[in-house]
PDB file of N, CA and C in Angstrom:
ATOM      1  N   MET A   1      53.077 -46.789 -36.404  1.00  0.00           N
ATOM      2  CA  MET A   1      52.868 -45.731 -35.585  1.00  0.00           C
ATOM      3  C   MET A   1      53.111 -44.281 -35.707  1.00  0.00           C
ATOM      4  N   VAL A   2      54.631 -44.919 -35.453  1.00  0.00           N
ATOM      5  CA  VAL A   2      55.669 -43.856 -35.986  1.00  0.00           C
ATOM      6  C   VAL A   2      55.058 -42.584 -37.091  1.00  0.00           C
ATOM      7  N   TRP A   3      55.016 -43.634 -38.120  1.00  0.00           N
ATOM      8  CA  TRP A   3      55.020 -43.528 -39.421  1.00  0.00           C
ATOM      9  C   TRP A   3      53.271 -42.049 -39.269  1.00  0.00           C
ATOM     10  N   LEU A   4      52.457 -42.760 -38.621  1.00  0.00           N
ATOM     11  CA  LEU A   4      50.892 -42.030 -38.535  1.00  0.00           C
ATOM     12  C   LEU A   4      51.378 -40.343 -38.186  1.00  0.00           C
ATOM     13  N   VAL A   5      52.247 -40.668 -36.984  1.00  0.00           N
ATOM     14  CA  VAL A   5      52.718 -39.388 -36.536  1.00  0.00           C
ATOM     15  C   VAL A   5      53.548 -38.454 -37.344  1.00  0.00           C
ATOM     16  N   GLY A   6      54.235 -39.087 -38.198  1.00  0.00           N
ATOM     17  CA  GLY A   6      54.604 -38.624 -39.173  1.00  0.00           C
ATOM     18  C   GLY A   6      53.948 -37.668 -40.007  1.00  0.00           C
ATOM     19  N   LEU A   7      53.045 -38.668 -41.017  1.00  0.00           N
ATOM     20  CA  LEU A   7      52.258 -38.023 -41.608  1.00  0.00           C
ATOM     21  C   LEU A   7      51.363 -36.841 -41.393  1.00  0.00           C
ATOM     22  N   ILE A   8      51.084 -37.133 -40.391  1.00  0.00           N
ATOM     23  CA  ILE A   8      50.040 -35.756 -39.199  1.00  0.00           C
ATOM     24  C   ILE A   8      50.870 -34.620 -39.560  1.00  0.00           C
ATOM     25  N   THR A   9      51.781 -34.994 -38.941  1.00  0.00           N
ATOM     26  CA  THR A   9      52.910 -33.230 -39.163  1.00  0.00           C
ATOM     27  C   THR A   9      53.000 -33.124 -40.198  1.00  0.00           C
ATOM     28  N   LEU A  10      53.352 -33.718 -41.349  1.00  0.00           N
ATOM     29  CA  LEU A  10      53.774 -32.997 -42.531  1.00  0.00           C
ATOM     30  C   LEU A  10      52.547 -32.717 -43.204  1.00  0.00           C
ATOM     31  N   LEU A  11      51.600 -33.050 -42.874  1.00  0.00           N
ATOM     32  CA  LEU A  11      49.797 -32.578 -43.964  1.00  0.00           C
ATOM     33  C   LEU A  11      49.644 -31.382 -42.798  1.00  0.00           C
ATOM     34  N   THR A  12      50.085 -31.493 -42.074  1.00  0.00           N
ATOM     35  CA  THR A  12      49.856 -29.963 -40.819  1.00  0.00           C
ATOM     36  C   THR A  12      50.636 -28.928 -41.282  1.00  0.00           C
ATOM     37  N   ILE A  13      51.708 -29.351 -41.534  1.00  0.00           N
ATOM     38  CA  ILE A  13      53.647 -28.539 -42.359  1.00  0.00           C
ATOM     39  C   ILE A  13      52.698 -27.929 -43.530  1.00  0.00           C
ATOM     40  N   VAL A  14      51.912 -28.783 -44.637  1.00  0.00           N
ATOM     41  CA  VAL A  14      51.648 -28.302 -46.106  1.00  0.00           C
ATOM     42  C   VAL A  14      50.667 -27.692 -45.399  1.00  0.00           C
ATOM     43  N   LEU A  15      49.828 -27.788 -44.738  1.00  0.00           N
ATOM     44  CA  LEU A  15      48.503 -27.067 -44.796  1.00  0.00           C
ATOM     45  C   LEU A  15      48.575 -25.533 -44.027  1.00  0.00           C
ATOM     46  N   TRP A  16      49.757 -25.387 -43.412  1.00  0.00           N
ATOM     47  CA  TRP A  16      50.006 -24.382 -42.460  1.00  0.00           C
ATOM     48  C   TRP A  16      51.012 -23.739 -43.579  1.00  0.00           C
ATOM     49  N   VAL A  17      51.568 -23.611 -44.287  1.00  0.00           N
ATOM     50  CA  VAL A  17      52.153 -23.297 -45.747  1.00  0.00           C
ATOM     51  C   VAL A  17      51.404 -22.641 -46.330  1.00  0.00           C
ATOM     52  N   TYR A  18      50.037 -23.316 -47.282  1.00  0.00           N
ATOM     53  CA  TYR A  18      49.480 -23.360 -47.578  1.00  0.00           C
ATOM     54  C   TYR A  18      48.901 -22.409 -47.628  1.00  0.00           C
ATOM     55  N   ALA A  19      47.997 -22.264 -46.036  1.00  0.00           N
ATOM     56  CA  ALA A  19      46.841 -21.351 -45.619  1.00  0.00           C
ATOM     57  C   ALA A  19      47.690 -19.804 -45.659  1.00  0.00           C
ATOM     58  N   PHE A  20      49.085 -19.649 -45.194  1.00  0.00           N
ATOM     59  CA  PHE A  20      49.668 -18.511 -44.991  1.00  0.00           C
ATOM     60  C   PHE A  20      50.219 -18.209 -46.120  1.00  0.00           C
ATOM     61  N   PHE A  21      50.582 -18.263 -47.194  1.00  0.00           N
ATOM     62  CA  PHE A  21      50.772 -17.932 -48.531  1.00  0.00           C
ATOM     63  C   PHE A  21      49.765 -17.473 -48.872  1.00  0.00           C
ATOM     64  N   ASP A  22      48.393 -18.500 -48.900  1.00  0.00           N
ATOM     65  CA  ASP A  22      47.395 -18.189 -49.703  1.00  0.00           C
ATOM     66  C   ASP A  22      46.632 -17.043 -48.891  1.00  0.00           C
ATOM     67  N   ALA A  23      46.651 -16.285 -47.720  1.00  0.00           N
ATOM     68  CA  ALA A  23      46.308 -15.382 -47.040  1.00  0.00           C
ATOM     69  C   ALA A  23      47.025 -14.101 -47.470  1.00  0.00           C
ATOM     70  N   LEU A  24      48.727 -14.632 -47.456  1.00  0.00           N
ATOM     71  CA  LEU A  24      49.515 -13.240 -48.022  1.00  0.00           C
ATOM     72  C   LEU A  24      49.802 -13.292 -49.062  1.00  0.00           C
ATOM     73  N   THR A  25      49.226 -13.590 -50.141  1.00  0.00           N
ATOM     74  CA  THR A  25      49.111 -13.162 -51.387  1.00  0.00           C
ATOM     75  C   THR A  25      47.164 -12.726 -52.085  1.00  0.00           C
ATOM     76  N   THR A  26      45.970 -12.989 -50.811  1.00  0.00           N
ATOM     77  CA  THR A  26      44.936 -12.457 -51.295  1.00  0.00           C
ATOM     78  C   THR A  26      44.665 -11.045 -51.275  1.00  0.00           C
ATOM     79  N   PRO A  27      43.790 -10.272 -51.598  1.00  0.00           N
ATOM     80  CA  PRO A  27      43.908  -9.158 -51.734  1.00  0.00           C
ATOM     81  C   PRO A  27      43.028  -8.519 -50.192  1.00  0.00           C
ATOM     82  N   ALA A  28      43.517  -7.153 -49.990  1.00  0.00           N
ATOM     83  CA  ALA A  28      43.064  -6.985 -48.090  1.00  0.00           C
ATOM     84  C   ALA A  28      41.407  -6.900 -48.556  1.00  0.00           C
ATOM     85  N   GLY A  29      41.096  -6.288 -50.064  1.00  0.00           N
ATOM     86  CA  GLY A  29      39.416  -6.510 -49.661  1.00  0.00           C
ATOM     87  C   GLY A  29      38.614  -6.959 -49.997  1.00  0.00           C
ATOM     88  N   GLU A  30      39.599  -8.467 -50.031  1.00  0.00           N
ATOM     89  CA  GLU A  30      38.687  -9.325 -50.189  1.00  0.00           C
ATOM     90  C   GLU A  30      38.594 -10.273 -49.503  1.00  0.00           C
ATOM     91  N   VAL A  31      39.416  -9.936 -48.036  1.00  0.00           N
ATOM     92  CA  VAL A  31      39.539 -10.862 -46.827  1.00  0.00           C
ATOM     93  C   VAL A  31      38.538 -10.728 -46.294  1.00  0.00           C
ATOM     94  N   ARG A  32      37.395 -12.036 -45.519  1.00  0.00           N
ATOM     95  CA  ARG A  32      36.608 -11.638 -44.943  1.00  0.00           C
ATOM     96  C   ARG A  32      36.807 -12.049 -43.016  1.00  0.00           C
ATOM     97  N   THR A  33      35.699 -11.364 -42.161  1.00  0.00           N
ATOM     98  CA  THR A  33      35.719 -11.387 -41.068  1.00  0.00           C
ATOM     99  C   THR A  33      36.930 -10.818 -40.052  1.00  0.00           C
ATOM    100  N   LEU A  34      38.003 -10.949 -40.394  1.00  0.00           N
ATOM    101  CA  LEU A  34      39.437 -10.258 -40.104  1.00  0.00           C
ATOM    102  C   LEU A  34      39.811  -9.381 -40.943  1.00  0.00           C
ATOM    103  N   PRO A  35      40.667  -8.456 -40.555  1.00  0.00           N
ATOM    104  CA  PRO A  35      42.025  -7.712 -41.420  1.00  0.00           C
ATOM    105  C   PRO A  35      42.760  -8.948 -42.234  1.00  0.00           C
ATOM    106  N   LYS A  36      43.117  -8.574 -42.862  1.00  0.00           N
ATOM    107  CA  LYS A  36      44.477  -9.019 -43.313  1.00  0.00           C
ATOM    108  C   LYS A  36      45.351  -9.605 -42.196  1.00  0.00           C
ATOM    109  N   ILE A  37      45.800  -8.955 -41.960  1.00  0.00           N
ATOM    110  CA  ILE A  37      47.529  -8.956 -40.794  1.00  0.00           C
ATOM    111  C   ILE A  37      46.786  -9.539 -39.480  1.00  0.00           C
ATOM    112  N   LEU A  38      45.570  -9.474 -39.182  1.00  0.00           N
ATOM    113  CA  LEU A  38      45.505 -10.376 -38.077  1.00  0.00           C
ATOM    114  C   LEU A  38      45.255 -11.500 -38.491  1.00  0.00           C
ATOM    115  N   TRP A  39      44.686 -11.956 -39.692  1.00  0.00           N
ATOM    116  CA  TRP A  39      44.426 -13.430 -40.501  1.00  0.00           C
ATOM    117  C   TRP A  39      46.185 -13.811 -40.311  1.00  0.00           C
ATOM    118  N   LEU A  40      47.224 -13.244 -40.344  1.00  0.00           N
ATOM    119  CA  LEU A  40      48.078 -13.650 -40.611  1.00  0.00           C
ATOM    120  C   LEU A  40      48.783 -13.984 -39.479  1.00  0.00           C
ATOM    121  N   VAL A  41      48.645 -13.499 -38.289  1.00  0.00           N
ATOM    122  CA  VAL A  41      49.182 -13.844 -37.427  1.00  0.00           C
ATOM    123  C   VAL A  41      48.254 -15.025 -36.564  1.00  0.00           C
ATOM    124  N   VAL A  42      46.549 -15.373 -37.020  1.00  0.00           N
ATOM    125  CA  VAL A  42      46.057 -15.654 -36.877  1.00  0.00           C
ATOM    126  C   VAL A  42      46.776 -17.200 -37.424  1.00  0.00           C
ATOM    127  N   VAL A  43      46.997 -17.615 -38.315  1.00  0.00           N
ATOM    128  CA  VAL A  43      47.395 -18.889 -39.072  1.00  0.00           C
ATOM    129  C   VAL A  43      49.185 -19.022 -38.922  1.00  0.00           C
ATOM    130  N   ALA A  44      49.609 -17.852 -38.427  1.00  0.00           N
ATOM    131  CA  ALA A  44      51.308 -18.319 -38.143  1.00  0.00           C
ATOM    132  C   ALA A  44      51.050 -18.400 -36.716  1.00  0.00           C
ATOM    133  N   LEU A  45      50.733 -18.047 -35.664  1.00  0.00           N
ATOM    134  CA  LEU A  45      51.092 -18.229 -34.234  1.00  0.00           C
ATOM    135  C   LEU A  45      49.722 -20.107 -33.833  1.00  0.00           C
ATOM    136  N   LEU A  46      48.412 -19.651 -34.305  1.00  0.00           N
ATOM    137  CA  LEU A  46      47.695 -20.700 -33.774  1.00  0.00           C
ATOM    138  C   LEU A  46      47.921 -22.137 -34.865  1.00  0.00           C
ATOM    139  N   THR A  47      48.617 -22.820 -35.166  1.00  0.00           N
ATOM    140  CA  THR A  47      49.110 -23.549 -36.616  1.00  0.00           C
ATOM    141  C   THR A  47      48.350 -24.483 -36.448  1.00  0.00           C
ATOM    142  N   PRO A  48      47.907 -25.175 -35.640  1.00  0.00           N
ATOM    143  CA  PRO A  48      46.914 -26.583 -35.918  1.00  0.00           C
ATOM    144  C   PRO A  48      45.410 -25.826 -36.149  1.00  0.00           C
ATOM    145  N   VAL A  49      45.238 -24.849 -35.726  1.00  0.00           N
ATOM    146  CA  VAL A  49      43.770 -24.158 -35.251  1.00  0.00           C
ATOM    147  C   VAL A  49      43.840 -23.300 -36.551  1.00  0.00           C
ATOM    148  N   GLY A  50      44.773 -22.042 -37.007  1.00  0.00           N
ATOM    149  CA  GLY A  50      44.652 -21.227 -37.342  1.00  0.00           C
ATOM    150  C   GLY A  50      44.719 -21.706 -38.854  1.00  0.00           C
ATOM    151  N   PRO A  51      44.942 -22.147 -39.916  1.00  0.00           N
ATOM    152  CA  PRO A  51      45.498 -22.819 -41.045  1.00  0.00           C
ATOM    153  C   PRO A  51      43.452 -23.250 -41.442  1.00  0.00           C
ATOM    154  N   LEU A  52      43.321 -23.766 -40.625  1.00  0.00           N
ATOM    155  CA  LEU A  52      41.405 -24.127 -40.552  1.00  0.00           C
ATOM    156  C   LEU A  52      40.853 -23.097 -40.517  1.00  0.00           C
ATOM    157  N   LEU A  53      41.157 -22.273 -39.544  1.00  0.00           N
ATOM    158  CA  LEU A  53      39.843 -20.953 -39.817  1.00  0.00           C
ATOM    159  C   LEU A  53      40.187 -20.408 -40.962  1.00  0.00           C
ATOM    160  N   TRP A  54      41.042 -19.913 -41.303  1.00  0.00           N
ATOM    161  CA  TRP A  54      41.409 -18.783 -42.913  1.00  0.00           C
ATOM    162  C   TRP A  54      40.720 -19.899 -43.479  1.00  0.00           C
ATOM    163  N   LEU A  55      41.112 -21.311 -44.242  1.00  0.00           N
ATOM    164  CA  LEU A  55      40.138 -21.972 -45.510  1.00  0.00           C
ATOM    165  C   LEU A  55      38.463 -21.693 -45.064  1.00  0.00           C
ATOM    166  N   PHE A  56      37.970 -21.740 -43.463  1.00  0.00           N
ATOM    167  CA  PHE A  56      36.524 -21.715 -43.723  1.00  0.00           C
ATOM    168  C   PHE A  56      36.135 -20.387 -43.386  1.00  0.00           C
ATOM    169  N   LEU A  57      37.057 -19.050 -42.473  1.00  0.00           N
ATOM    170  CA  LEU A  57      36.226 -18.561 -42.057  1.00  0.00           C
ATOM    171  C   LEU A  57      36.664 -16.757 -42.877  1.00  0.00           C
ATOM    172  N   GLY A  58      37.938 -16.916 -43.511  1.00  0.00           N
ATOM    173  CA  GLY A  58      38.775 -15.594 -43.269  1.00  0.00           C
ATOM    174  C   GLY A  58      38.602 -16.028 -45.580  1.00  0.00           C
ATOM    175  N   ARG A  59      38.738 -17.144 -45.694  1.00  0.00           N
ATOM    176  CA  ARG A  59      39.451 -16.871 -47.458  1.00  0.00           C
ATOM    177  C   ARG A  59      38.208 -16.413 -48.380  1.00  0.00           C
ATOM    178  N   PRO A  60      38.124 -15.917 -49.713  1.00  0.00           N
ATOM    179  CA  PRO A  60      37.040 -15.080 -50.331  1.00  0.00           C
ATOM    180  C   PRO A  60      36.503 -16.221 -50.694  1.00  0.00           C
ATOM    181  N   ARG A  61      35.292 -16.158 -51.039  1.00  0.00           N
ATOM    182  CA  ARG A  61      34.550 -16.708 -51.695  1.00  0.00           C
ATOM    183  C   ARG A  61      34.479 -16.765 -53.420  1.00  0.00           C
ATOM    184  N   ALA A  62      34.333 -17.819 -53.823  1.00  0.00           N
ATOM    185  CA  ALA A  62      34.702 -17.664 -55.195  1.00  0.00           C
ATOM    186  C   ALA A  62      33.858 -16.885 -56.198  1.00  0.00           C
ATOM    187  N   SER A  63      32.282 -16.420 -55.170  1.00  0.00           N
ATOM    188  CA  SER A  63      31.557 -16.060 -55.449  1.00  0.00           C
ATOM    189  C   SER A  63      31.317 -14.155 -55.474  1.00  0.00           C
ATOM    190  N   ASP A  64      32.308 -14.087 -53.822  1.00  0.00           N
ATOM    191  CA  ASP A  64      32.249 -13.036 -53.167  1.00  0.00           C
ATOM    192  C   ASP A  64      33.531 -12.404 -54.286  1.00  0.00           C
ATOM    193  N   VAL A  65      34.524 -12.368 -55.227  1.00  0.00           N
ATOM    194  CA  VAL A  65      35.728 -12.282 -55.715  1.00  0.00           C
ATOM    195  C   VAL A  65      34.940 -11.103 -56.987  1.00  0.00           C
ATOM    196  N   THR A  66      35.167 -10.116 -56.971  1.00  0.00           N
ATOM    197  CA  THR A  66      35.062  -9.101 -58.075  1.00  0.00           C
ATOM    198  C   THR A  66      35.610  -8.700 -58.568  1.00  0.00           C
ATOM    199  N   ALA A  67      35.368  -8.048 -60.023  1.00  0.00           N
ATOM    200  CA  ALA A  67      36.715  -7.201 -60.625  1.00  0.00           C
ATOM    201  C   ALA A  67      37.112  -6.165 -59.647  1.00  0.00           C
ATOM    202  N   PRO A  68      38.466  -5.933 -59.982  1.00  0.00           N
ATOM    203  CA  PRO A  68      39.178  -5.248 -59.709  1.00  0.00           C
ATOM    204  C   PRO A  68      38.230  -3.163 -60.195  1.00  0.00           C
ATOM    205  N   PRO A  69      38.074  -2.521 -59.181  1.00  0.00           N
ATOM    206  CA  PRO A  69      37.721  -1.528 -59.992  1.00  0.00           C
ATOM    207  C   PRO A  69      38.138  -0.580 -60.540  1.00  0.00           C
ATOM    208  N   ALA A  70      38.099   0.321 -61.818  1.00  0.00           N
ATOM    209  CA  ALA A  70      38.649   0.779 -62.698  1.00  0.00           C
ATOM    210  C   ALA A  70      39.263   1.387 -62.155  1.00  0.00           C
ATOM    211  N   PRO A  71      40.911   2.469 -62.525  1.00  0.00           N
ATOM    212  CA  PRO A  71      41.810   2.904 -62.070  1.00  0.00           C
ATOM    213  C   PRO A  71      41.421   4.190 -61.907  1.00  0.00           C
ATOM    214  N   SER A  72      40.360   4.614 -62.105  1.00  0.00           N
ATOM    215  CA  SER A  72      40.128   6.200 -62.072  1.00  0.00           C
ATOM    216  C   SER A  72      39.605   6.081 -60.776  1.00  0.00           C
ATOM    217  N   ALA A  73      38.963   5.192 -60.010  1.00  0.00           N
ATOM    218  CA  ALA A  73      38.136   4.966 -59.691  1.00  0.00           C
ATOM    219  C   ALA A  73      39.204   4.752 -57.851  1.00  0.00           C
ATOM    220  N   GLN A  74      40.218   4.243 -58.466  1.00  0.00           N
ATOM    221  CA  GLN A  74      40.893   3.891 -56.937  1.00  0.00           C
ATOM    222  C   GLN A  74      41.790   5.457 -56.774  1.00  0.00           C
ATOM    223  N   ALA A  75      42.126   5.709 -55.256  1.00  0.00           N
ATOM    224  CA  ALA A  75      42.863   6.787 -54.829  1.00  0.00           C
ATOM    225  C   ALA A  75      44.281   6.364 -55.180  1.00  0.00           C
ATOM    226  N   ASP A  76      44.564   7.430 -55.185  1.00  0.00           N
ATOM    227  CA  ASP A  76      45.967   8.045 -55.738  1.00  0.00           C
ATOM    228  C   ASP A  76      46.986   7.910 -54.472  1.00  0.00           C
ATOM    229  N   SER A  77      46.310   6.915 -52.999  1.00  0.00           N
ATOM    230  CA  SER A  77      47.286   7.204 -51.913  1.00  0.00           C
ATOM    231  C   SER A  77      48.208   5.583 -51.788  1.00  0.00           C
ATOM    232  N   ILE A  78      49.211   6.169 -51.204  1.00  0.00           N
ATOM    233  CA  ILE A  78      49.571   4.438 -51.401  1.00  0.00           C
ATOM    234  C   ILE A  78      49.361   3.506 -50.201  1.00  0.00           C
ATOM    235  N   GLU A  79      48.438   4.121 -49.301  1.00  0.00           N
ATOM    236  CA  GLU A  79      48.074   3.566 -48.029  1.00  0.00           C
ATOM    237  C   GLU A  79      46.747   2.225 -48.981  1.00  0.00           C
ATOM    238  N   HIS A  80      46.279   2.231 -49.690  1.00  0.00           N
ATOM    239  CA  HIS A  80      45.723   1.073 -50.587  1.00  0.00           C
ATOM    240  C   HIS A  80      46.730   0.297 -51.539  1.00  0.00           C
ATOM    241  N   LEU A  81      47.837   0.447 -51.528  1.00  0.00           N
ATOM    242  CA  LEU A  81      48.779  -0.753 -52.214  1.00  0.00           C
ATOM    243  C   LEU A  81      48.848  -1.939 -51.416  1.00  0.00           C
ATOM    244  N   ASP A  82      48.353  -3.122 -51.851  1.00  0.00           N
ATOM    245  CA  ASP A  82      48.448  -4.479 -51.568  1.00  0.00           C
ATOM    246  C   ASP A  82      49.486  -5.314 -52.972  1.00  0.00           C
ATOM    247  N   PRO A  83      50.643  -5.802 -52.364  1.00  0.00           N
ATOM    248  CA  PRO A  83      51.488  -6.380 -53.145  1.00  0.00           C
ATOM    249  C   PRO A  83      50.447  -7.380 -53.815  1.00  0.00           C
ATOM    250  N   SER A  84      49.692  -7.725 -53.540  1.00  0.00           N
ATOM    251  CA  SER A  84      49.084  -9.356 -54.375  1.00  0.00           C
ATOM    252  C   SER A  84      48.591  -8.370 -55.463  1.00  0.00           C
ATOM    253  N   ASP A  85      48.394  -6.817 -55.062  1.00  0.00           N
ATOM    254  CA  ASP A  85      47.071  -6.185 -56.563  1.00  0.00           C
ATOM    255  C   ASP A  85      47.916  -6.139 -57.663  1.00  0.00           C
ATOM    256  N   PHE A  86      49.530  -6.111 -57.899  1.00  0.00           N
ATOM    257  CA  PHE A  86      50.378  -6.080 -58.919  1.00  0.00           C
ATOM    258  C   PHE A  86      50.029  -7.778 -59.776  1.00  0.00           C
ATOM    259  N   ASN A  87      49.761  -8.706 -59.387  1.00  0.00           N
ATOM    260  CA  ASN A  87      49.460  -9.840 -60.145  1.00  0.00           C
ATOM    261  C   ASN A  87      48.660  -9.595 -60.998  1.00  0.00           C
ATOM    262  N   THR A  88      47.797  -8.892 -61.724  1.00  0.00           N
ATOM    263  CA  THR A  88      47.045  -8.951 -62.268  1.00  0.00           C
ATOM    264  C   THR A  88      47.312  -8.539 -63.901  1.00  0.00           C
ATOM    265  N   PRO A  89      46.724  -9.307 -64.783  1.00  0.00           N
ATOM    266  CA  PRO A  89      47.648  -8.531 -66.760  1.00  0.00           C
ATOM    267  C   PRO A  89      47.884  -7.821 -66.545  1.00  0.00           C
ATOM    268  N   SER A  90      49.162  -6.570 -67.633  1.00  0.00           N
ATOM    269  CA  SER A  90      49.108  -5.891 -67.801  1.00  0.00           C
ATOM    270  C   SER A  90      47.753  -4.777 -69.457  1.00  0.00           C
ATOM    271  N   GLY A  91      47.569  -6.441 -69.463  1.00  0.00           N
ATOM    272  CA  GLY A  91      46.998  -6.037 -70.677  1.00  0.00           C
ATOM    273  C   GLY A  91      47.345  -5.787 -71.931  1.00  0.00           C
ATOM    274  N   ARG A  92      48.951  -5.894 -72.321  1.00  0.00           N
ATOM    275  CA  ARG A  92      49.672  -5.464 -73.188  1.00  0.00           C
ATOM    276  C   ARG A  92      49.002  -6.633 -74.323  1.00  0.00           C
ATOM    277  N   GLU A  93      49.890  -6.102 -75.704  1.00  0.00           N
ATOM    278  CA  GLU A  93      48.890  -6.718 -77.169  1.00  0.00           C
ATOM    279  C   GLU A  93      50.423  -7.075 -77.203  1.00  0.00           C
ATOM    280  N   HIS A  94      51.723  -6.626 -77.137  1.00  0.00           N
ATOM    281  CA  HIS A  94      53.099  -7.163 -77.689  1.00  0.00           C
ATOM    282  C   HIS A  94      53.966  -8.138 -76.805  1.00  0.00           C
ATOM    283  N   PRO A  95      54.745  -8.894 -77.055  1.00  0.00           N
ATOM    284  CA  PRO A  95      55.319  -9.678 -76.622  1.00  0.00           C
ATOM    285  C   PRO A  95      55.829  -9.218 -75.099  1.00  0.00           C
ATOM    286  N   VAL A  96      56.235  -9.656 -73.997  1.00  0.00           N
ATOM    287  CA  VAL A  96      57.005  -9.163 -72.930  1.00  0.00           C
ATOM    288  C   VAL A  96      58.342  -9.563 -73.096  1.00  0.00           C
ATOM    289  N   GLY A  97      58.566 -10.531 -73.429  1.00  0.00           N
ATOM    290  CA  GLY A  97      60.329 -11.604 -73.364  1.00  0.00           C
ATOM    291  C   GLY A  97      60.404 -11.412 -74.680  1.00  0.00           C
ATOM    292  N   PRO A  98      62.233 -11.832 -74.680  1.00  0.00           N
ATOM    293  CA  PRO A  98      61.913 -11.605 -76.057  1.00  0.00           C
ATOM    294  C   PRO A  98      61.950 -13.319 -76.850  1.00  0.00           C
ATOM    295  N   ASP A  99      61.645 -14.272 -75.671  1.00  0.00           N
ATOM    296  CA  ASP A  99      61.387 -15.643 -76.254  1.00  0.00           C
ATOM    297  C   ASP A  99      60.040 -15.610 -76.621  1.00  0.00           C
ATOM    298  N   ASP A 100      59.378 -14.640 -76.735  1.00  0.00           N
ATOM    299  CA  ASP A 100      57.672 -14.321 -76.694  1.00  0.00           C
ATOM    300  C   ASP A 100      58.161 -13.719 -78.268  1.00  0.00           C
ATOM    301  N   ASP A 101      59.079 -13.214 -78.828  1.00  0.00           N
ATOM    302  CA  ASP A 101      58.697 -12.661 -79.620  1.00  0.00           C
ATOM    303  C   ASP A 101      59.198 -13.205 -81.196  1.00  0.00           C
ATOM    304  N   PRO A 102      58.284 -13.362 -82.406  1.00  0.00           N
ATOM    305  CA  PRO A 102      58.339 -14.284 -83.203  1.00  0.00           C
ATOM    306  C   PRO A 102      59.900 -13.632 -84.395  1.00  0.00           C
ATOM    307  N   GLU A 103      59.930 -12.492 -84.097  1.00  0.00           N
ATOM    308  CA  GLU A 103      61.137 -11.425 -85.072  1.00  0.00           C
ATOM    309  C   GLU A 103      61.946 -11.409 -84.240  1.00  0.00           C
ATOM    310  N   PHE A 104      62.060 -11.773 -83.149  1.00  0.00           N
ATOM    311  CA  PHE A 104      63.249 -11.622 -82.799  1.00  0.00           C
ATOM    312  C   PHE A 104      63.785 -13.294 -82.772  1.00  0.00           C
ATOM    313  N   LEU A 105      63.150 -14.103 -82.741  1.00  0.00           N
ATOM    314  CA  LEU A 105      62.876 -16.026 -82.837  1.00  0.00           C
ATOM    315  C   LEU A 105      63.841 -15.870 -84.253  1.00  0.00           C
ATOM    316  N   ARG A 106      63.352 -15.396 -85.248  1.00  0.00           N
ATOM    317  CA  ARG A 106      63.525 -15.859 -86.574  1.00  0.00           C
ATOM    318  C   ARG A 106      65.304 -14.972 -86.606  1.00  0.00           C
ATOM    319  N   ARG A 107      65.095 -13.759 -86.321  1.00  0.00           N
ATOM    320  CA  ARG A 107      66.609 -13.061 -86.597  1.00  0.00           C
ATOM    321  C   ARG A 107      67.884 -13.782 -85.713  1.00  0.00           C
ATOM    322  N   LEU A 108      67.775 -14.633 -84.156  1.00  0.00           N
ATOM    323  CA  LEU A 108      68.020 -15.558 -83.795  1.00  0.00           C
ATOM    324  C   LEU A 108      68.784 -16.479 -84.349  1.00  0.00           C
ATOM    325  N   ASN A 109      67.632 -16.828 -85.131  1.00  0.00           N
ATOM    326  CA  ASN A 109      68.029 -18.502 -86.007  1.00  0.00           C
ATOM    327  C   ASN A 109      68.570 -18.183 -87.471  1.00  0.00           C
ATOM    328  N   ARG A 110      68.158 -16.812 -88.228  1.00  0.00           N
ATOM    329  CA  ARG A 110      68.996 -16.674 -89.189  1.00  0.00           C
ATOM    330  C   ARG A 110      71.010 -16.132 -89.046  1.00  0.00           C
ATOM    331  N   ARG A 111      70.855 -15.919 -87.527  1.00  0.00           N
ATOM    332  CA  ARG A 111      71.898 -15.200 -86.685  1.00  0.00           C
ATOM    333  C   ARG A 111      72.923 -16.946 -86.548  1.00  0.00           C
ATOM    334  N   ILE A 112      71.866 -18.004 -86.263  1.00  0.00           N
ATOM    335  CA  ILE A 112      72.649 -18.681 -86.014  1.00  0.00           C
ATOM    336  C   ILE A 112      72.472 -20.195 -86.877  1.00  0.00           C
ATOM    337  N   ASN A 113      71.762 -20.142 -88.456  1.00  0.00           N
ATOM    338  CA  ASN A 113      71.631 -20.637 -89.129  1.00  0.00           C
ATOM    339  C   ASN A 113      71.930 -20.128 -90.278  1.00  0.00           C
ATOM    340  N   PRO A 114      73.221 -19.472 -90.936  1.00  0.00           N
ATOM    341  CA  PRO A 114      73.023 -18.514 -91.972  1.00  0.00           C
ATOM    342  C   PRO A 114      72.440 -19.775 -93.441  1.00  0.00           C
ATOM    343  N   GLU A 115      72.791 -20.316 -93.417  1.00  0.00           N
ATOM    344  CA  GLU A 115      73.151 -21.088 -94.618  1.00  0.00           C
ATOM    345  C   GLU A 115      71.912 -21.521 -94.910  1.00  0.00           C
ATOM    346  N   ASP A 116      70.820 -21.415 -93.959  1.00  0.00           N
ATOM    347  CA  ASP A 116      69.037 -21.227 -94.819  1.00  0.00           C
ATOM    348  C   ASP A 116      68.479 -20.601 -95.427  1.00  0.00           C
TER     349      ASP A 116
END
């Protein structure tokens, strides 16, 4: 019986953490029913019910998610910025880090093994 209570407690904690971070990282324009900040409060304060409400009523549906508007169509105001909006890829064609750059790896290999 004790293990059942522990399992239910563990599942509640996992659901709460998932729902909270899902609500935190969802762009504000895709949230349904309530504003994003209110969803964070609901999930944080109404622990057993709040995460379930987020998953069924607040989370964006897969069919509702649209492509972000073009940069020229966005407002130049800082009020519309959301931290989760910066997770989109930059569209750069060149490698980002030195470990992704084949030329850098070749030079490094030559410096480590000069006899090759």
